[in-house]
Amino acid sequence: MLRLENTPALSNFLVAAACLLEYAGLFPAFSGELMAIQFIVIHSSAFVMAIPYLEIPEKWKPRALYSLLCLYALFAIQAGGLSGVFQFAGLTFATYSGYVLRGDTASRMPLISRWALGFASFIFVLSVCGVPGDAEDWDGNRRVAFAGAVYFTLAGLMERAGLHESGWRRALRWLAARDPEFKARMPGWMAKVLADRGRW
């Protein structure tokens, strides 16, 4: 039976399989547009994650989120037309709305971790696979299809391993164990996370 927590990993594996089929010539070209939209999602993340920390009234933060998403939707239209907008919305809205509209710093850490790991793996995979630097050359490019297969496989493995949920906690514990000054200077929510062993 499919468990809800496995859904993100499974969706990544399915996209990776589709990219691999395109690479093998068994599936219509789509990965160029998909990877361009994924880049837009990653690029927008840094700005979206700053919204909760803006010194503006709370009622304006949802408006800031929607305005930013509309701006990036214009980039998605340029990258993939109307289908690009739907891809962008599907990849971003559910996660971002929860991040901006509710939750404390600790509850937002999995998303921050997801962005950091996703950004690093995206750039690494594009470099290793020799993807052209100009996104206009991505359509129908087999290197992009292969890069998509590798990237979404990595994303699925990270989701399956729970790195976004527990990896940053393990990193905090490692730093605190080796640097007493870091532990003394950490904010209260970090100390609470370290003390809450039952969650990880």
N, C-alpha and C. Protein backbone atom coordinates (compact mmCIF):
# COMPACT_ATOMS: atom_id res chain seq x y z
N MET A 1 0.85 -1.20 0.00
CA MET A 1 0.00 0.00 0.00
C MET A 1 0.88 1.24 0.00
N LEU A 2 0.54 2.22 -0.85
CA LEU A 2 1.32 3.44 -0.94
C LEU A 2 1.11 4.30 0.29
N ARG A 3 2.18 4.67 0.96
CA ARG A 3 2.10 5.50 2.15
C ARG A 3 2.32 6.95 1.73
N LEU A 4 1.62 7.87 2.41
CA LEU A 4 1.66 9.28 2.03
C LEU A 4 3.07 9.84 2.06
N GLU A 5 3.87 9.43 3.06
CA GLU A 5 5.21 9.98 3.18
C GLU A 5 6.13 9.54 2.04
N ASN A 6 5.74 8.48 1.32
CA ASN A 6 6.55 8.01 0.20
C ASN A 6 6.19 8.67 -1.13
N THR A 7 5.10 9.45 -1.14
CA THR A 7 4.63 10.05 -2.39
C THR A 7 5.65 10.96 -3.05
N PRO A 8 6.32 11.90 -2.31
CA PRO A 8 7.31 12.75 -2.97
C PRO A 8 8.43 11.96 -3.62
N ALA A 9 8.92 10.93 -2.95
CA ALA A 9 10.00 10.12 -3.52
C ALA A 9 9.51 9.40 -4.77
N LEU A 10 8.32 8.83 -4.72
CA LEU A 10 7.78 8.10 -5.86
C LEU A 10 7.59 9.01 -7.07
N SER A 11 7.08 10.22 -6.83
CA SER A 11 6.87 11.15 -7.94
C SER A 11 8.19 11.52 -8.61
N ASN A 12 9.24 11.70 -7.81
CA ASN A 12 10.56 11.98 -8.37
C ASN A 12 11.08 10.81 -9.19
N PHE A 13 10.89 9.60 -8.69
CA PHE A 13 11.35 8.41 -9.42
C PHE A 13 10.60 8.26 -10.74
N LEU A 14 9.31 8.57 -10.75
CA LEU A 14 8.53 8.47 -11.99
C LEU A 14 9.00 9.48 -13.03
N VAL A 15 9.29 10.71 -12.57
CA VAL A 15 9.81 11.72 -13.50
C VAL A 15 11.17 11.29 -14.03
N ALA A 16 12.02 10.74 -13.15
CA ALA A 16 13.33 10.26 -13.57
C ALA A 16 13.20 9.16 -14.62
N ALA A 17 12.24 8.26 -14.43
CA ALA A 17 12.03 7.18 -15.40
C ALA A 17 11.58 7.73 -16.75
N ALA A 18 10.72 8.75 -16.72
CA ALA A 18 10.26 9.36 -17.97
C ALA A 18 11.42 10.04 -18.70
N CYS A 19 12.29 10.71 -17.93
CA CYS A 19 13.47 11.34 -18.54
C CYS A 19 14.39 10.28 -19.17
N LEU A 20 14.52 9.15 -18.49
CA LEU A 20 15.37 8.08 -19.01
C LEU A 20 14.78 7.50 -20.30
N LEU A 21 13.46 7.39 -20.35
CA LEU A 21 12.81 6.91 -21.57
C LEU A 21 13.01 7.89 -22.72
N GLU A 22 12.97 9.18 -22.40
CA GLU A 22 13.26 10.18 -23.44
C GLU A 22 14.70 10.04 -23.92
N TYR A 23 15.62 9.84 -23.00
CA TYR A 23 17.03 9.67 -23.35
C TYR A 23 17.22 8.48 -24.28
N ALA A 24 16.43 7.42 -24.06
CA ALA A 24 16.52 6.21 -24.88
C ALA A 24 15.76 6.34 -26.19
N GLY A 25 15.09 7.47 -26.39
CA GLY A 25 14.34 7.68 -27.62
C GLY A 25 12.98 7.02 -27.63
N LEU A 26 12.47 6.64 -26.46
CA LEU A 26 11.19 5.94 -26.36
C LEU A 26 10.06 6.82 -25.87
N PHE A 27 10.35 8.10 -25.65
CA PHE A 27 9.36 9.02 -25.08
C PHE A 27 9.54 10.37 -25.74
N PRO A 28 8.44 11.10 -26.00
CA PRO A 28 8.56 12.43 -26.63
C PRO A 28 9.40 13.37 -25.77
N ALA A 29 10.11 14.28 -26.41
CA ALA A 29 10.97 15.23 -25.69
C ALA A 29 10.15 16.14 -24.79
N PHE A 30 10.52 16.20 -23.53
CA PHE A 30 9.84 17.07 -22.57
C PHE A 30 10.79 17.60 -21.50
N SER A 31 11.94 16.93 -21.34
CA SER A 31 12.82 17.24 -20.21
C SER A 31 13.43 18.63 -20.28
N GLY A 32 13.63 19.17 -21.48
CA GLY A 32 14.18 20.52 -21.59
C GLY A 32 13.29 21.53 -20.91
N GLU A 33 11.99 21.46 -21.20
CA GLU A 33 11.03 22.36 -20.57
C GLU A 33 10.93 22.09 -19.08
N LEU A 34 10.90 20.81 -18.70
CA LEU A 34 10.77 20.44 -17.29
C LEU A 34 11.95 20.96 -16.47
N MET A 35 13.17 20.79 -16.97
CA MET A 35 14.35 21.24 -16.23
C MET A 35 14.41 22.76 -16.16
N ALA A 36 13.92 23.44 -17.21
CA ALA A 36 13.87 24.90 -17.16
C ALA A 36 12.90 25.36 -16.09
N ILE A 37 11.74 24.70 -15.98
CA ILE A 37 10.77 25.04 -14.94
C ILE A 37 11.35 24.73 -13.57
N GLN A 38 12.05 23.62 -13.44
CA GLN A 38 12.67 23.27 -12.16
C GLN A 38 13.68 24.32 -11.74
N PHE A 39 14.43 24.85 -12.70
CA PHE A 39 15.38 25.92 -12.39
C PHE A 39 14.64 27.16 -11.87
N ILE A 40 13.50 27.48 -12.48
CA ILE A 40 12.72 28.62 -12.02
C ILE A 40 12.22 28.40 -10.60
N VAL A 41 11.80 27.17 -10.31
CA VAL A 41 11.34 26.84 -8.96
C VAL A 41 12.47 27.03 -7.95
N ILE A 42 13.65 26.51 -8.27
CA ILE A 42 14.80 26.64 -7.36
C ILE A 42 15.19 28.10 -7.19
N HIS A 43 15.19 28.85 -8.30
CA HIS A 43 15.57 30.26 -8.24
C HIS A 43 14.61 31.06 -7.38
N SER A 44 13.32 30.76 -7.49
CA SER A 44 12.33 31.51 -6.72
C SER A 44 12.37 31.17 -5.23
N SER A 45 12.90 30.00 -4.89
CA SER A 45 12.88 29.53 -3.51
C SER A 45 13.57 30.50 -2.55
N ALA A 46 14.72 31.01 -2.96
CA ALA A 46 15.47 31.89 -2.07
C ALA A 46 14.66 33.13 -1.70
N PHE A 47 13.92 33.66 -2.65
CA PHE A 47 13.12 34.85 -2.39
C PHE A 47 11.89 34.51 -1.56
N VAL A 48 11.27 33.37 -1.85
CA VAL A 48 10.10 32.95 -1.09
C VAL A 48 10.46 32.71 0.37
N MET A 49 11.63 32.09 0.61
CA MET A 49 12.03 31.78 1.97
C MET A 49 12.34 33.02 2.79
N ALA A 50 12.55 34.16 2.13
CA ALA A 50 12.83 35.40 2.86
C ALA A 50 11.56 36.09 3.34
N ILE A 51 10.41 35.74 2.78
CA ILE A 51 9.17 36.44 3.10
C ILE A 51 8.82 36.40 4.58
N PRO A 52 8.90 35.25 5.28
CA PRO A 52 8.54 35.24 6.70
C PRO A 52 9.39 36.17 7.56
N TYR A 53 10.57 36.54 7.08
CA TYR A 53 11.48 37.36 7.88
C TYR A 53 11.42 38.84 7.51
N LEU A 54 10.58 39.20 6.55
CA LEU A 54 10.43 40.61 6.19
C LEU A 54 9.74 41.36 7.32
N GLU A 55 10.19 42.57 7.57
CA GLU A 55 9.58 43.40 8.61
C GLU A 55 8.38 44.14 8.04
N ILE A 56 7.35 43.38 7.74
CA ILE A 56 6.10 43.93 7.23
C ILE A 56 4.96 43.31 8.03
N PRO A 57 3.78 43.95 8.04
CA PRO A 57 2.65 43.37 8.77
C PRO A 57 2.35 41.95 8.28
N GLU A 58 1.92 41.10 9.20
CA GLU A 58 1.65 39.71 8.86
C GLU A 58 0.64 39.57 7.72
N LYS A 59 -0.35 40.47 7.68
CA LYS A 59 -1.38 40.36 6.65
C LYS A 59 -0.83 40.58 5.25
N TRP A 60 0.36 41.23 5.16
CA TRP A 60 0.95 41.50 3.85
C TRP A 60 1.80 40.34 3.34
N LYS A 61 2.16 39.43 4.22
CA LYS A 61 3.04 38.33 3.80
C LYS A 61 2.38 37.40 2.78
N PRO A 62 1.11 37.01 2.98
CA PRO A 62 0.48 36.21 1.92
C PRO A 62 0.42 36.94 0.59
N ARG A 63 0.19 38.25 0.63
CA ARG A 63 0.14 39.03 -0.61
C ARG A 63 1.51 39.07 -1.27
N ALA A 64 2.55 39.16 -0.44
CA ALA A 64 3.91 39.14 -1.00
C ALA A 64 4.19 37.80 -1.67
N LEU A 65 3.71 36.71 -1.04
CA LEU A 65 3.89 35.38 -1.63
C LEU A 65 3.19 35.28 -2.98
N TYR A 66 1.93 35.69 -3.03
CA TYR A 66 1.17 35.58 -4.27
C TYR A 66 1.76 36.46 -5.36
N SER A 67 2.22 37.65 -4.99
CA SER A 67 2.82 38.55 -5.98
C SER A 67 4.10 37.94 -6.56
N LEU A 68 4.91 37.34 -5.68
CA LEU A 68 6.15 36.74 -6.14
C LEU A 68 5.88 35.54 -7.04
N LEU A 69 4.89 34.73 -6.67
CA LEU A 69 4.55 33.58 -7.50
C LEU A 69 4.02 34.02 -8.87
N CYS A 70 3.26 35.11 -8.88
CA CYS A 70 2.77 35.63 -10.18
C CYS A 70 3.93 36.09 -11.05
N LEU A 71 4.92 36.73 -10.42
CA LEU A 71 6.09 37.19 -11.18
C LEU A 71 6.83 36.01 -11.80
N TYR A 72 7.04 34.97 -11.00
CA TYR A 72 7.76 33.81 -11.52
C TYR A 72 6.90 33.00 -12.49
N ALA A 73 5.58 33.13 -12.37
CA ALA A 73 4.71 32.47 -13.34
C ALA A 73 4.92 33.04 -14.74
N LEU A 74 5.27 34.33 -14.80
CA LEU A 74 5.56 34.94 -16.10
C LEU A 74 6.80 34.30 -16.73
N PHE A 75 7.81 34.02 -15.89
CA PHE A 75 8.99 33.31 -16.39
C PHE A 75 8.62 31.90 -16.85
N ALA A 76 7.70 31.27 -16.10
CA ALA A 76 7.27 29.92 -16.46
C ALA A 76 6.53 29.92 -17.80
N ILE A 77 5.75 30.98 -18.06
CA ILE A 77 5.06 31.10 -19.35
C ILE A 77 6.07 31.18 -20.48
N GLN A 78 7.12 31.97 -20.25
CA GLN A 78 8.15 32.11 -21.27
C GLN A 78 8.87 30.79 -21.52
N ALA A 79 9.06 30.01 -20.44
CA ALA A 79 9.80 28.75 -20.56
C ALA A 79 8.96 27.64 -21.16
N GLY A 80 7.67 27.60 -20.81
CA GLY A 80 6.87 26.45 -21.25
C GLY A 80 5.44 26.75 -21.60
N GLY A 81 5.10 28.03 -21.79
CA GLY A 81 3.72 28.36 -22.12
C GLY A 81 2.78 28.07 -20.96
N LEU A 82 1.52 27.80 -21.27
CA LEU A 82 0.53 27.55 -20.24
C LEU A 82 0.86 26.31 -19.43
N SER A 83 1.37 25.28 -20.08
CA SER A 83 1.74 24.07 -19.35
C SER A 83 2.86 24.36 -18.35
N GLY A 84 3.74 25.30 -18.70
CA GLY A 84 4.81 25.69 -17.78
C GLY A 84 4.27 26.30 -16.51
N VAL A 85 3.19 27.09 -16.64
CA VAL A 85 2.56 27.70 -15.47
C VAL A 85 2.00 26.62 -14.56
N PHE A 86 1.32 25.63 -15.14
CA PHE A 86 0.75 24.56 -14.34
C PHE A 86 1.85 23.74 -13.65
N GLN A 87 2.94 23.49 -14.34
CA GLN A 87 4.06 22.78 -13.72
C GLN A 87 4.64 23.58 -12.57
N PHE A 88 4.84 24.87 -12.80
CA PHE A 88 5.40 25.72 -11.75
C PHE A 88 4.48 25.77 -10.53
N ALA A 89 3.19 25.96 -10.78
CA ALA A 89 2.24 26.03 -9.67
C ALA A 89 2.20 24.72 -8.90
N GLY A 90 2.21 23.61 -9.62
CA GLY A 90 2.17 22.31 -8.96
C GLY A 90 3.39 22.03 -8.11
N LEU A 91 4.54 22.54 -8.55
CA LEU A 91 5.79 22.28 -7.83
C LEU A 91 5.99 23.20 -6.63
N THR A 92 5.28 24.34 -6.62
CA THR A 92 5.61 25.34 -5.62
C THR A 92 4.51 25.68 -4.63
N PHE A 93 3.28 25.84 -5.07
CA PHE A 93 2.29 26.50 -4.23
C PHE A 93 2.03 25.78 -2.91
N ALA A 94 1.79 24.47 -2.96
CA ALA A 94 1.44 23.74 -1.75
C ALA A 94 2.52 23.86 -0.68
N THR A 95 3.76 23.70 -1.10
CA THR A 95 4.87 23.77 -0.15
C THR A 95 5.09 25.18 0.35
N TYR A 96 5.12 26.14 -0.55
CA TYR A 96 5.43 27.51 -0.17
C TYR A 96 4.35 28.13 0.70
N SER A 97 3.09 27.85 0.42
CA SER A 97 2.03 28.45 1.21
C SER A 97 2.14 28.02 2.67
N GLY A 98 2.45 26.74 2.90
CA GLY A 98 2.63 26.28 4.26
C GLY A 98 3.84 26.89 4.93
N TYR A 99 4.89 27.09 4.17
CA TYR A 99 6.12 27.68 4.71
C TYR A 99 5.90 29.12 5.14
N VAL A 100 5.21 29.90 4.32
CA VAL A 100 5.05 31.33 4.58
C VAL A 100 3.95 31.61 5.60
N LEU A 101 2.86 30.87 5.52
CA LEU A 101 1.68 31.23 6.28
C LEU A 101 1.62 30.60 7.67
N ARG A 102 2.45 29.61 7.94
CA ARG A 102 2.41 29.00 9.27
C ARG A 102 3.76 28.35 9.57
N GLY A 103 3.96 28.07 10.84
CA GLY A 103 5.18 27.36 11.25
C GLY A 103 6.25 28.28 11.79
N ASP A 104 7.03 27.74 12.74
CA ASP A 104 8.14 28.49 13.29
C ASP A 104 9.40 28.14 12.51
N THR A 105 10.54 28.67 12.97
CA THR A 105 11.79 28.47 12.24
C THR A 105 12.14 26.99 12.13
N ALA A 106 11.95 26.25 13.23
CA ALA A 106 12.30 24.83 13.21
C ALA A 106 11.46 24.06 12.21
N SER A 107 10.16 24.38 12.13
CA SER A 107 9.30 23.66 11.20
C SER A 107 9.58 24.03 9.76
N ARG A 108 10.24 25.17 9.53
CA ARG A 108 10.60 25.57 8.17
C ARG A 108 11.93 24.99 7.72
N MET A 109 12.69 24.45 8.64
CA MET A 109 14.02 23.95 8.30
C MET A 109 14.00 22.84 7.24
N PRO A 110 13.03 21.91 7.26
CA PRO A 110 13.03 20.90 6.19
C PRO A 110 12.96 21.50 4.79
N LEU A 111 12.18 22.59 4.63
CA LEU A 111 12.10 23.22 3.31
C LEU A 111 13.42 23.89 2.95
N ILE A 112 14.04 24.55 3.93
CA ILE A 112 15.33 25.19 3.68
C ILE A 112 16.36 24.13 3.30
N SER A 113 16.34 23.00 4.02
CA SER A 113 17.25 21.90 3.70
C SER A 113 16.97 21.35 2.32
N ARG A 114 15.68 21.22 1.97
CA ARG A 114 15.30 20.71 0.65
C ARG A 114 15.82 21.63 -0.45
N TRP A 115 15.71 22.95 -0.23
CA TRP A 115 16.19 23.90 -1.23
C TRP A 115 17.70 23.80 -1.38
N ALA A 116 18.43 23.78 -0.25
CA ALA A 116 19.89 23.75 -0.30
C ALA A 116 20.40 22.50 -1.02
N LEU A 117 19.86 21.35 -0.65
CA LEU A 117 20.28 20.10 -1.28
C LEU A 117 19.84 20.05 -2.75
N GLY A 118 18.64 20.54 -3.02
CA GLY A 118 18.15 20.55 -4.40
C GLY A 118 18.97 21.46 -5.29
N PHE A 119 19.30 22.64 -4.79
CA PHE A 119 20.11 23.59 -5.56
C PHE A 119 21.49 23.01 -5.86
N ALA A 120 22.13 22.47 -4.81
CA ALA A 120 23.48 21.92 -4.98
C ALA A 120 23.48 20.74 -5.96
N SER A 121 22.50 19.85 -5.82
CA SER A 121 22.47 18.68 -6.70
C SER A 121 22.10 19.08 -8.13
N PHE A 122 21.25 20.08 -8.30
CA PHE A 122 20.87 20.54 -9.64
C PHE A 122 22.08 21.07 -10.39
N ILE A 123 22.83 21.97 -9.74
CA ILE A 123 24.02 22.55 -10.37
C ILE A 123 25.07 21.47 -10.64
N PHE A 124 25.25 20.56 -9.67
CA PHE A 124 26.24 19.50 -9.82
C PHE A 124 25.90 18.59 -11.01
N VAL A 125 24.64 18.19 -11.09
CA VAL A 125 24.23 17.28 -12.17
C VAL A 125 24.36 17.94 -13.53
N LEU A 126 23.95 19.20 -13.64
CA LEU A 126 24.08 19.90 -14.92
C LEU A 126 25.53 19.98 -15.35
N SER A 127 26.43 20.23 -14.39
CA SER A 127 27.85 20.35 -14.71
C SER A 127 28.44 19.01 -15.14
N VAL A 128 28.15 17.96 -14.38
CA VAL A 128 28.71 16.65 -14.66
C VAL A 128 28.19 16.09 -15.99
N CYS A 129 26.92 16.34 -16.28
CA CYS A 129 26.31 15.78 -17.50
C CYS A 129 26.60 16.62 -18.74
N GLY A 130 27.30 17.74 -18.58
CA GLY A 130 27.65 18.56 -19.73
C GLY A 130 26.47 19.22 -20.40
N VAL A 131 25.49 19.66 -19.60
CA VAL A 131 24.30 20.33 -20.15
C VAL A 131 24.70 21.71 -20.68
N PRO A 132 24.20 22.11 -21.86
CA PRO A 132 24.52 23.43 -22.40
C PRO A 132 24.16 24.56 -21.43
N GLY A 133 24.98 25.60 -21.41
CA GLY A 133 24.73 26.71 -20.50
C GLY A 133 23.52 27.53 -20.86
N ASP A 134 23.11 27.54 -22.10
CA ASP A 134 21.95 28.30 -22.56
C ASP A 134 20.71 27.41 -22.54
N ALA A 135 19.71 27.80 -21.73
CA ALA A 135 18.50 26.98 -21.60
C ALA A 135 17.74 26.87 -22.91
N GLU A 136 17.97 27.79 -23.84
CA GLU A 136 17.29 27.72 -25.14
C GLU A 136 17.75 26.50 -25.95
N ASP A 137 18.89 25.93 -25.57
CA ASP A 137 19.41 24.75 -26.27
C ASP A 137 19.01 23.45 -25.59
N TRP A 138 18.14 23.52 -24.59
CA TRP A 138 17.79 22.32 -23.83
C TRP A 138 16.74 21.45 -24.51
N ASP A 139 15.86 22.05 -25.29
CA ASP A 139 14.77 21.28 -25.90
C ASP A 139 15.32 20.18 -26.81
N GLY A 140 14.91 18.94 -26.54
CA GLY A 140 15.32 17.81 -27.37
C GLY A 140 16.76 17.38 -27.19
N ASN A 141 17.47 17.95 -26.21
CA ASN A 141 18.87 17.61 -25.98
C ASN A 141 18.96 16.36 -25.10
N ARG A 142 19.62 15.32 -25.57
CA ARG A 142 19.70 14.06 -24.82
C ARG A 142 20.49 14.22 -23.53
N ARG A 143 21.44 15.14 -23.49
CA ARG A 143 22.19 15.38 -22.26
C ARG A 143 21.27 15.92 -21.16
N VAL A 144 20.33 16.76 -21.56
CA VAL A 144 19.38 17.30 -20.60
C VAL A 144 18.45 16.20 -20.09
N ALA A 145 18.03 15.32 -20.99
CA ALA A 145 17.19 14.19 -20.59
C ALA A 145 17.92 13.30 -19.58
N PHE A 146 19.20 13.03 -19.84
CA PHE A 146 19.98 12.20 -18.92
C PHE A 146 20.17 12.92 -17.59
N ALA A 147 20.44 14.24 -17.66
CA ALA A 147 20.60 15.02 -16.43
C ALA A 147 19.31 15.01 -15.62
N GLY A 148 18.17 15.10 -16.30
CA GLY A 148 16.89 15.03 -15.60
C GLY A 148 16.70 13.71 -14.89
N ALA A 149 17.08 12.62 -15.56
CA ALA A 149 16.97 11.30 -14.94
C ALA A 149 17.84 11.20 -13.69
N VAL A 150 19.07 11.71 -13.77
CA VAL A 150 19.98 11.66 -12.62
C VAL A 150 19.48 12.56 -11.50
N TYR A 151 19.09 13.78 -11.84
CA TYR A 151 18.67 14.75 -10.82
C TYR A 151 17.44 14.26 -10.06
N PHE A 152 16.42 13.82 -10.78
CA PHE A 152 15.20 13.41 -10.09
C PHE A 152 15.38 12.08 -9.36
N THR A 153 16.32 11.25 -9.81
CA THR A 153 16.65 10.05 -9.03
C THR A 153 17.29 10.45 -7.70
N LEU A 154 18.24 11.40 -7.75
CA LEU A 154 18.85 11.89 -6.52
C LEU A 154 17.81 12.51 -5.59
N ALA A 155 16.91 13.30 -6.18
CA ALA A 155 15.87 13.94 -5.37
C ALA A 155 14.98 12.89 -4.70
N GLY A 156 14.64 11.84 -5.44
CA GLY A 156 13.83 10.78 -4.86
C GLY A 156 14.55 10.03 -3.75
N LEU A 157 15.84 9.78 -3.95
CA LEU A 157 16.63 9.09 -2.92
C LEU A 157 16.73 9.93 -1.66
N MET A 158 16.92 11.24 -1.82
CA MET A 158 17.00 12.12 -0.65
C MET A 158 15.67 12.17 0.08
N GLU A 159 14.56 12.20 -0.67
CA GLU A 159 13.24 12.17 -0.04
C GLU A 159 13.03 10.85 0.70
N ARG A 160 13.41 9.76 0.04
CA ARG A 160 13.20 8.43 0.63
C ARG A 160 14.02 8.26 1.90
N ALA A 161 15.24 8.83 1.91
CA ALA A 161 16.11 8.71 3.08
C ALA A 161 15.73 9.67 4.19
N GLY A 162 14.85 10.63 3.90
CA GLY A 162 14.43 11.59 4.92
C GLY A 162 15.48 12.62 5.27
N LEU A 163 16.39 12.91 4.34
CA LEU A 163 17.46 13.87 4.63
C LEU A 163 16.92 15.25 4.95
N HIS A 164 15.80 15.63 4.31
CA HIS A 164 15.26 16.96 4.54
C HIS A 164 14.67 17.08 5.95
N GLU A 165 14.18 15.97 6.48
CA GLU A 165 13.55 16.00 7.79
C GLU A 165 14.54 15.82 8.93
N SER A 166 15.55 14.98 8.73
CA SER A 166 16.44 14.64 9.84
C SER A 166 17.90 15.02 9.62
N GLY A 167 18.29 15.23 8.37
CA GLY A 167 19.70 15.51 8.09
C GLY A 167 20.20 16.77 8.76
N TRP A 168 19.38 17.84 8.73
CA TRP A 168 19.83 19.09 9.34
C TRP A 168 19.92 18.97 10.86
N ARG A 169 19.08 18.11 11.46
CA ARG A 169 19.17 17.89 12.91
C ARG A 169 20.48 17.16 13.26
N ARG A 170 20.82 16.16 12.44
CA ARG A 170 22.08 15.45 12.67
C ARG A 170 23.27 16.39 12.49
N ALA A 171 23.17 17.31 11.53
CA ALA A 171 24.26 18.27 11.32
C ALA A 171 24.40 19.19 12.52
N LEU A 172 23.28 19.63 13.10
CA LEU A 172 23.34 20.48 14.30
C LEU A 172 23.99 19.73 15.46
N ARG A 173 23.60 18.47 15.63
CA ARG A 173 24.19 17.68 16.73
C ARG A 173 25.70 17.52 16.52
N TRP A 174 26.11 17.28 15.27
CA TRP A 174 27.53 17.11 14.96
C TRP A 174 28.30 18.39 15.27
N LEU A 175 27.77 19.54 14.86
CA LEU A 175 28.44 20.82 15.12
C LEU A 175 28.50 21.12 16.61
N ALA A 176 27.39 20.87 17.32
CA ALA A 176 27.35 21.16 18.75
C ALA A 176 28.32 20.28 19.53
N ALA A 177 28.50 19.04 19.09
CA ALA A 177 29.40 18.12 19.78
C ALA A 177 30.86 18.51 19.60
N ARG A 178 31.17 19.17 18.49
CA ARG A 178 32.57 19.50 18.18
C ARG A 178 32.94 20.96 18.44
N ASP A 179 31.94 21.80 18.67
CA ASP A 179 32.21 23.22 18.88
C ASP A 179 31.35 23.74 20.02
N PRO A 180 31.86 23.73 21.26
CA PRO A 180 31.08 24.21 22.41
C PRO A 180 30.60 25.65 22.25
N GLU A 181 31.40 26.48 21.58
CA GLU A 181 31.00 27.87 21.38
C GLU A 181 29.77 27.97 20.48
N PHE A 182 29.71 27.11 19.47
CA PHE A 182 28.54 27.09 18.60
C PHE A 182 27.29 26.73 19.41
N LYS A 183 27.43 25.74 20.28
CA LYS A 183 26.29 25.33 21.10
C LYS A 183 25.86 26.44 22.04
N ALA A 184 26.83 27.20 22.57
CA ALA A 184 26.50 28.28 23.49
C ALA A 184 25.81 29.45 22.79
N ARG A 185 26.13 29.65 21.50
CA ARG A 185 25.59 30.80 20.77
C ARG A 185 24.30 30.49 20.02
N MET A 186 23.94 29.22 19.91
CA MET A 186 22.78 28.87 19.09
C MET A 186 21.49 29.44 19.68
N PRO A 187 20.55 29.84 18.82
CA PRO A 187 19.27 30.36 19.29
C PRO A 187 18.46 29.29 20.02
N GLY A 188 17.44 29.75 20.73
CA GLY A 188 16.67 28.85 21.57
C GLY A 188 16.02 27.70 20.83
N TRP A 189 15.51 27.97 19.59
CA TRP A 189 14.83 26.90 18.86
C TRP A 189 15.79 25.79 18.48
N MET A 190 17.09 26.14 18.22
CA MET A 190 18.08 25.11 17.92
C MET A 190 18.35 24.24 19.14
N ALA A 191 18.49 24.91 20.30
CA ALA A 191 18.73 24.16 21.53
C ALA A 191 17.56 23.21 21.82
N LYS A 192 16.35 23.67 21.54
CA LYS A 192 15.17 22.82 21.76
C LYS A 192 15.20 21.61 20.84
N VAL A 193 15.61 21.82 19.59
CA VAL A 193 15.70 20.71 18.64
C VAL A 193 16.71 19.68 19.12
N LEU A 194 17.88 20.15 19.61
CA LEU A 194 18.91 19.24 20.09
C LEU A 194 18.44 18.46 21.30
N ALA A 195 17.63 19.12 22.15
CA ALA A 195 17.15 18.45 23.36
C ALA A 195 16.03 17.46 23.06
N ASP A 196 15.32 17.66 21.94
CA ASP A 196 14.18 16.81 21.60
C ASP A 196 14.66 15.59 20.84
N ARG A 197 15.27 14.65 21.54
CA ARG A 197 15.84 13.47 20.90
C ARG A 197 14.77 12.54 20.34
N GLY A 198 13.57 12.62 20.88
CA GLY A 198 12.53 11.69 20.45
C GLY A 198 12.11 11.86 19.02
N ARG A 199 12.34 13.06 18.44
CA ARG A 199 11.90 13.32 17.08
C ARG A 199 12.89 12.82 16.04
N TRP A 200 14.13 12.51 16.48
CA TRP A 200 15.12 12.06 15.50
C TRP A 200 16.14 11.21 16.17
